[in-house]
Amino acid sequence: MELARSIEVAQEWRAAGKSVAVATLVRVRGPAPRPLGSRFLVSSSGDMEGSVSGGCVENDVFLHARQVLEDGRGRLVAYGISNDAAFEVGLSCGGEIEVFIDLWDDDLWKAVDPDRAAVIAAVVDGPASGTRGVFERSGPTKSNLPAVVAGAIIDPVRVARETGRSSIVTVGQSEVFLEAVSPPPRLLIFGAVEIGQALCALAARAGFIVTVCDPRAAFTTPERFPEAEHIITAWPDEAVELLGLDRQTFVVVLSHDPRYEDPVVKAALAQNVRYLGAMGSKKTHRRRVERLAEAGVPPETLTRIHGPIGLDLGAASAAETAVEILAEIVKARRSEDPGGSEGPSSD
């Protein structure tokens, strides 16, 4: 469950007078169906939301969460295929995970803004288990961590914030989970065409904040793009200046008219966006690269354009093409190197 959704659900339950336990996936060894930081919430009335394993161990986690709600004591629970109870609560994928289950801390979570980069540090094992701190670029905004722990994790916290990767670090006899909180990724779709409609719906469901840009007012309507966070009726150069581009931006250009796509491509390459994909055949892309090189775009940056756009899955419809594009975007987002598209990641 996304962090923003976790906070929203917990606040709803707390407003209704319910106590809340939160289970967080803090360690993964081998294959696992959910990423670090995944959450499973349980209320005192038996409500459940989220997942830490895709369903493999949630029943047992629920029982632990009920115990935490009763006695108020957090606990670190390990699961894996080698457990004696493997047939009951083991991971079918063969991996091993550790889940920290504790009471929801209203004061701490009020200090967390899902739209700003931060790191949530939580002692999950050893002395001071259950203490936490929220760290932004300027330092801790809320913390009840022991001073020795807070001082020892300054550098690991900085690395987690800059890379966006969560991990566990050891401080003395304590294990501290550092959860990197990154703003939701932005997807800018240039071209309000049929493929863009399908891509907008898919990407929004995948957690992207989607903006659709097109100079044609008849195409840029809320009815055509109900899932879009923003719809801009403007030429690309105007839209790019208005929106701004950064490393959390993913850009898709669905028109291969040079007048339309070149300003977007140039700006996206100059700002080193996380992903840039452009529509068109291999021949069209070859001409695009030649044209941009002649316009002075450094040849080494042109290799960062994904063209033809999308993973080749043999798509035959607009919806299937949207799946190909989103698949390539997800691959780029989860890659080991934020600028590339190869290799796994815990990002």
Protein backbone atom coordinates (compact mmCIF):
# COMPACT_ATOMS: atom_id res chain seq x y z
CA MET A 1 0.00 0.00 0.00
CA GLU A 2 1.31 3.44 -0.94
CA LEU A 3 2.41 5.61 1.98
CA ALA A 4 -0.20 8.30 1.31
CA ARG A 5 -2.95 5.69 1.29
CA SER A 6 -1.64 4.12 4.51
CA ILE A 7 -1.77 7.47 6.28
CA GLU A 8 -5.24 8.20 4.92
CA VAL A 9 -6.66 4.84 6.05
CA ALA A 10 -5.03 5.01 9.50
CA GLN A 11 -6.37 8.51 10.06
CA GLU A 12 -9.88 7.40 9.09
CA TRP A 13 -9.76 4.51 11.53
CA ARG A 14 -8.30 6.65 14.31
CA ALA A 15 -10.98 9.30 13.75
CA ALA A 16 -13.56 6.53 14.23
CA GLY A 17 -12.04 5.76 17.64
CA LYS A 18 -10.18 2.62 16.58
CA SER A 19 -6.66 1.62 17.56
CA VAL A 20 -4.37 0.73 14.64
CA ALA A 21 -1.44 -1.66 14.27
CA VAL A 22 0.89 -1.30 11.30
CA ALA A 23 2.99 -4.11 9.87
CA THR A 24 5.92 -2.98 7.71
CA LEU A 25 8.11 -5.09 5.45
CA VAL A 26 11.64 -4.21 6.62
CA ARG A 27 13.90 -6.94 5.21
CA VAL A 28 13.87 -9.17 2.13
CA ARG A 29 16.23 -12.03 1.31
CA GLY A 30 15.78 -13.67 -2.07
CA PRO A 31 12.59 -13.27 -4.12
CA ALA A 32 9.58 -11.61 -2.51
CA PRO A 33 6.31 -10.33 -3.97
CA ARG A 34 6.32 -6.91 -2.25
CA PRO A 35 8.96 -4.16 -1.96
CA LEU A 36 10.55 -2.87 1.24
CA GLY A 37 8.28 -0.48 3.12
CA SER A 38 5.07 -2.27 2.09
CA ARG A 39 2.43 -2.01 4.81
CA PHE A 40 -0.49 -3.97 6.19
CA LEU A 41 -2.83 -2.14 8.56
CA VAL A 42 -5.10 -3.81 11.12
CA SER A 43 -7.63 -1.99 13.31
CA SER A 44 -8.97 -2.92 16.75
CA SER A 45 -12.30 -3.78 15.13
CA GLY A 46 -10.69 -6.18 12.65
CA ASP A 47 -10.41 -3.94 9.56
CA MET A 48 -7.52 -4.82 7.25
CA GLU A 49 -5.87 -2.99 4.38
CA GLY A 50 -2.63 -3.37 2.45
CA SER A 51 -0.16 -6.23 2.10
CA VAL A 52 3.40 -7.20 3.05
CA SER A 53 3.64 -10.39 1.01
CA GLY A 54 0.86 -10.47 -1.54
CA GLY A 55 -1.21 -12.80 0.64
CA CYS A 56 1.34 -15.42 1.68
CA VAL A 57 1.66 -14.49 5.36
CA GLU A 58 -1.03 -11.89 6.01
CA ASN A 59 -3.16 -14.26 8.10
CA ASP A 60 -0.33 -14.77 10.60
CA VAL A 61 0.62 -11.09 10.51
CA PHE A 62 -3.01 -10.28 11.34
CA LEU A 63 -2.80 -12.47 14.46
CA HIS A 64 0.43 -10.77 15.58
CA ALA A 65 -1.13 -7.37 14.92
CA ARG A 66 -4.10 -8.28 17.15
CA GLN A 67 -1.66 -9.18 19.92
CA VAL A 68 0.17 -5.87 19.47
CA LEU A 69 -3.16 -4.05 19.75
CA GLU A 70 -3.81 -5.89 23.02
CA ASP A 71 -0.43 -5.56 24.76
CA GLY A 72 1.09 -2.55 22.98
CA ARG A 73 4.42 -4.31 22.42
CA GLY A 74 5.91 -4.20 18.93
CA ARG A 75 7.63 -7.24 17.47
CA LEU A 76 9.82 -8.29 14.56
CA VAL A 77 8.56 -11.46 12.84
CA ALA A 78 10.47 -13.51 10.26
CA TYR A 79 8.91 -15.65 7.54
CA GLY A 80 10.47 -17.95 4.99
CA ILE A 81 10.23 -21.24 3.17
CA SER A 82 12.49 -22.84 5.79
CA ASN A 83 10.09 -22.12 8.65
CA ASP A 84 8.57 -25.09 10.47
CA ALA A 85 5.20 -23.57 9.62
CA ALA A 86 6.09 -23.17 5.96
CA PHE A 87 2.96 -24.90 4.73
CA GLU A 88 0.84 -22.56 6.84
CA VAL A 89 2.56 -19.19 6.54
CA GLY A 90 5.64 -19.69 4.35
CA LEU A 91 6.44 -17.73 1.24
CA SER A 92 5.54 -19.68 -1.87
CA CYS A 93 8.21 -17.78 -3.83
CA GLY A 94 10.94 -19.23 -1.61
CA GLY A 95 12.19 -15.93 -0.24
CA GLU A 96 12.56 -14.76 3.34
CA ILE A 97 11.10 -11.59 4.80
CA GLU A 98 11.00 -9.81 8.15
CA VAL A 99 8.00 -7.78 9.20
CA PHE A 100 7.94 -5.24 12.03
CA ILE A 101 4.53 -4.88 13.70
CA ASP A 102 3.82 -2.01 16.05
CA LEU A 103 1.13 0.47 17.10
CA TRP A 104 0.39 3.36 14.78
CA ASP A 105 2.02 6.54 16.14
CA ASP A 106 -0.27 9.49 15.32
CA ASP A 107 2.27 12.16 16.29
CA LEU A 108 5.04 10.69 14.16
CA TRP A 109 2.95 10.11 11.06
CA LYS A 110 1.58 13.64 11.19
CA ALA A 111 5.17 14.75 10.58
CA VAL A 112 5.38 12.71 7.35
CA ASP A 113 4.51 14.41 4.07
CA PRO A 114 4.26 11.76 1.30
CA ASP A 115 4.86 14.47 -1.29
CA ARG A 116 8.30 15.41 0.10
CA ALA A 117 11.52 13.42 0.13
CA ALA A 118 12.32 12.12 3.61
CA VAL A 119 13.54 9.09 5.52
CA ILE A 120 11.61 7.34 8.29
CA ALA A 121 14.00 5.63 10.70
CA ALA A 122 12.58 2.94 12.98
CA VAL A 123 14.39 0.73 15.48
CA VAL A 124 12.90 -2.68 14.72
CA ASP A 125 15.07 -4.91 16.89
CA GLY A 126 17.27 -4.52 19.95
CA PRO A 127 17.39 -1.72 22.51
CA ALA A 128 14.83 1.07 22.00
CA SER A 129 12.76 -1.06 19.62
CA GLY A 130 9.76 0.89 18.37
CA THR A 131 11.36 4.33 18.54
CA ARG A 132 11.24 6.34 15.32
CA GLY A 133 12.33 9.51 13.63
CA VAL A 134 11.41 11.45 10.49
CA PHE A 135 14.38 13.00 8.70
CA GLU A 136 14.20 15.57 5.92
CA ARG A 137 17.06 17.38 4.21
CA SER A 138 17.25 19.90 7.04
CA GLY A 139 17.39 17.17 9.71
CA PRO A 140 14.90 15.41 12.01
CA THR A 141 11.41 16.92 12.10
CA LYS A 142 10.09 14.43 14.64
CA SER A 143 12.06 11.86 16.62
CA ASN A 144 12.08 9.84 19.83
CA LEU A 145 15.18 7.87 18.79
CA PRO A 146 17.97 7.57 21.36
CA ALA A 147 20.62 10.22 20.71
CA VAL A 148 23.28 7.60 20.02
CA VAL A 149 21.12 6.05 17.28
CA ALA A 150 20.11 9.38 15.73
CA GLY A 151 23.77 10.44 15.58
CA ALA A 152 24.98 7.16 14.11
CA ILE A 153 22.51 7.10 11.19
CA ILE A 154 23.18 10.58 9.81
CA ASP A 155 25.19 9.32 6.82
CA PRO A 156 22.96 6.27 6.04
CA VAL A 157 19.91 8.56 6.21
CA ARG A 158 21.50 10.94 3.70
CA VAL A 159 22.26 8.06 1.33
CA ALA A 160 18.73 6.69 1.63
CA ARG A 161 17.22 10.10 0.92
CA GLU A 162 19.46 10.77 -2.09
CA THR A 163 19.10 7.31 -3.66
CA GLY A 164 15.49 6.66 -2.70
CA ARG A 165 16.42 3.17 -1.47
CA SER A 166 15.35 1.67 1.84
CA SER A 167 17.55 -0.63 3.94
CA ILE A 168 18.38 -1.87 7.43
CA VAL A 169 21.49 -0.62 9.24
CA THR A 170 22.99 -1.88 12.49
CA VAL A 171 23.75 0.53 15.30
CA GLY A 172 25.31 -1.26 18.25
CA GLN A 173 22.84 -3.97 19.21
CA SER A 174 19.94 -2.32 17.40
CA GLU A 175 18.61 -2.87 13.88
CA VAL A 176 17.28 0.33 12.31
CA PHE A 177 15.03 0.29 9.24
CA LEU A 178 15.56 3.33 7.03
CA GLU A 179 12.57 3.83 4.77
CA ALA A 180 13.13 6.26 1.92
CA VAL A 181 10.04 8.32 1.17
CA SER A 182 10.03 9.80 -2.31
CA PRO A 183 7.39 12.04 -3.90
CA PRO A 184 5.09 10.21 -6.32
CA PRO A 185 6.65 10.02 -9.80
CA ARG A 186 5.27 12.32 -12.46
CA LEU A 187 4.30 11.13 -15.91
CA LEU A 188 3.91 13.80 -18.59
CA ILE A 189 2.02 12.61 -21.66
CA PHE A 190 2.47 14.87 -24.67
CA GLY A 191 -0.24 14.04 -27.17
CA ALA A 192 -3.88 13.58 -26.13
CA VAL A 193 -4.43 10.61 -28.45
CA GLU A 194 -6.09 7.24 -27.91
CA ILE A 195 -2.89 5.57 -26.67
CA GLY A 196 -2.49 8.46 -24.24
CA GLN A 197 -5.95 7.82 -22.82
CA ALA A 198 -5.15 4.18 -22.09
CA LEU A 199 -1.69 5.04 -20.74
CA CYS A 200 -3.11 7.72 -18.45
CA ALA A 201 -5.52 5.25 -16.83
CA LEU A 202 -2.87 2.55 -16.38
CA ALA A 203 -0.21 4.90 -15.04
CA ALA A 204 -2.54 6.56 -12.55
CA ARG A 205 -3.44 3.12 -11.19
CA ALA A 206 0.30 2.37 -10.89
CA GLY A 207 0.85 5.41 -8.68
CA PHE A 208 1.98 8.05 -11.16
CA ILE A 209 0.77 11.64 -11.05
CA VAL A 210 -0.25 12.07 -14.67
CA THR A 211 -0.33 15.30 -16.67
CA VAL A 212 -1.64 15.36 -20.24
CA CYS A 213 -0.49 18.10 -22.64
CA ASP A 214 -1.83 18.95 -26.08
CA PRO A 215 -2.52 22.24 -27.92
CA ARG A 216 -5.90 21.01 -29.20
CA ALA A 217 -8.67 22.03 -26.79
CA ALA A 218 -11.11 19.47 -28.22
CA PHE A 219 -8.74 16.68 -27.17
CA THR A 220 -7.74 17.94 -23.73
CA THR A 221 -10.97 17.42 -21.82
CA PRO A 222 -11.62 15.83 -18.41
CA GLU A 223 -14.07 13.45 -20.05
CA ARG A 224 -11.30 11.97 -22.19
CA PHE A 225 -8.75 11.86 -19.35
CA PRO A 226 -10.65 11.38 -16.07
CA GLU A 227 -7.60 9.91 -14.30
CA ALA A 228 -5.26 12.80 -15.14
CA GLU A 229 -4.17 15.03 -12.27
CA HIS A 230 -3.57 17.93 -14.66
CA ILE A 231 -4.64 18.63 -18.24
CA ILE A 232 -2.85 21.42 -20.08
CA THR A 233 -3.94 22.91 -23.39
CA ALA A 234 -0.72 24.40 -24.73
CA TRP A 235 2.12 23.84 -27.15
CA PRO A 236 4.90 21.63 -25.73
CA ASP A 237 7.47 24.39 -25.20
CA GLU A 238 4.92 26.38 -23.17
CA ALA A 239 3.89 23.31 -21.17
CA VAL A 240 7.48 22.28 -20.42
CA GLU A 241 8.27 25.74 -19.07
CA LEU A 242 5.14 25.69 -16.93
CA LEU A 243 5.63 22.19 -15.52
CA GLY A 244 9.37 21.99 -15.01
CA LEU A 245 11.28 18.72 -15.39
CA ASP A 246 13.38 16.79 -12.86
CA ARG A 247 14.65 13.29 -11.97
CA GLN A 248 11.21 12.23 -10.75
CA THR A 249 9.70 13.04 -14.15
CA PHE A 250 8.84 10.48 -16.83
CA VAL A 251 8.07 11.87 -20.28
CA VAL A 252 6.17 10.25 -23.14
CA VAL A 253 5.80 11.93 -26.54
CA LEU A 254 3.05 10.39 -28.65
CA SER A 255 3.35 12.62 -31.72
CA HIS A 256 6.32 12.41 -34.06
CA ASP A 257 5.73 15.75 -35.73
CA PRO A 258 9.10 17.54 -35.29
CA ARG A 259 7.38 20.85 -34.49
CA TYR A 260 5.64 19.16 -31.57
CA GLU A 261 8.14 16.65 -30.25
CA ASP A 262 11.52 18.38 -30.65
CA PRO A 263 11.00 21.04 -27.92
CA VAL A 264 9.92 18.32 -25.45
CA VAL A 265 12.78 15.97 -26.29
CA LYS A 266 15.39 18.72 -26.05
CA ALA A 267 14.09 19.93 -22.69
CA ALA A 268 13.77 16.41 -21.29
CA LEU A 269 17.32 15.51 -22.27
CA ALA A 270 18.69 18.78 -20.88
CA GLN A 271 17.00 18.18 -17.52
CA ASN A 272 18.02 14.50 -17.36
CA VAL A 273 14.51 13.17 -16.74
CA ARG A 274 14.15 9.63 -15.42
CA TYR A 275 12.59 8.34 -18.64
CA LEU A 276 11.98 9.74 -22.12
CA GLY A 277 10.06 7.77 -24.72
CA ALA A 278 9.01 8.89 -28.19
CA MET A 279 6.50 7.35 -30.58
CA GLY A 280 7.49 6.22 -34.07
CA SER A 281 9.05 3.40 -36.04
CA LYS A 282 12.76 2.58 -36.14
CA LYS A 283 13.04 4.63 -39.31
CA THR A 284 11.24 7.58 -37.70
CA HIS A 285 13.47 7.35 -34.65
CA ARG A 286 16.61 7.24 -36.78
CA ARG A 287 15.50 10.44 -38.52
CA ARG A 288 14.66 11.97 -35.14
CA VAL A 289 18.15 11.31 -33.81
CA GLU A 290 19.77 12.69 -36.97
CA ARG A 291 17.61 15.81 -36.84
CA LEU A 292 18.33 16.51 -33.19
CA ALA A 293 22.06 15.91 -33.63
CA GLU A 294 22.08 18.46 -36.47
CA ALA A 295 20.28 20.87 -34.11
CA GLY A 296 23.17 20.60 -31.65
CA VAL A 297 21.89 18.05 -29.16
CA PRO A 298 24.93 16.12 -27.82
CA PRO A 299 25.02 12.68 -29.50
CA GLU A 300 25.73 10.88 -26.21
CA THR A 301 22.44 12.12 -24.72
CA LEU A 302 20.38 10.98 -27.70
CA THR A 303 20.89 7.36 -26.68
CA ARG A 304 18.67 8.04 -23.65
CA ILE A 305 15.60 8.36 -25.85
CA HIS A 306 13.50 5.19 -25.81
CA GLY A 307 12.46 4.83 -29.42
CA PRO A 308 10.57 3.03 -30.71
CA ILE A 309 8.78 3.51 -27.42
CA GLY A 310 7.78 0.63 -25.14
CA LEU A 311 8.82 -2.98 -24.60
CA ASP A 312 8.11 -5.07 -27.68
CA LEU A 313 5.23 -7.31 -26.60
CA GLY A 314 3.62 -7.53 -30.03
CA ALA A 315 0.88 -5.00 -29.25
CA ALA A 316 -1.95 -4.73 -31.78
CA SER A 317 -4.20 -2.11 -30.15
CA ALA A 318 -3.95 1.23 -28.40
CA ALA A 319 -4.54 -0.38 -25.00
CA GLU A 320 -1.87 -3.00 -25.61
CA THR A 321 0.59 -0.34 -26.77
CA ALA A 322 -0.10 1.54 -23.54
CA VAL A 323 0.82 -1.62 -21.63
CA GLU A 324 4.10 -1.81 -23.57
CA ILE A 325 4.91 1.81 -22.73
CA LEU A 326 4.06 1.51 -19.05
CA ALA A 327 6.08 -1.72 -18.81
CA GLU A 328 9.15 0.09 -20.14
CA ILE A 329 8.55 3.01 -17.76
CA VAL A 330 8.29 0.66 -14.77
CA LYS A 331 11.47 -1.10 -15.84
CA ALA A 332 13.28 2.24 -16.00
CA ARG A 333 11.87 3.31 -12.65
CA ARG A 334 12.93 0.12 -10.88
CA SER A 335 16.35 -0.18 -12.47
CA GLU A 336 19.54 -0.26 -10.38
CA ASP A 337 20.83 2.81 -12.18
CA PRO A 338 18.18 5.58 -12.13
CA GLY A 339 19.36 6.65 -15.57
CA GLY A 340 19.18 3.24 -17.17
CA SER A 341 16.81 0.37 -17.58
CA GLU A 342 18.70 -2.74 -16.63
CA GLY A 343 18.76 -4.80 -13.44
CA PRO A 344 16.61 -5.24 -10.36
CA SER A 345 16.23 -2.75 -7.58
CA SER A 346 14.74 -2.31 -4.13
CA ASP A 347 13.91 1.28 -5.07
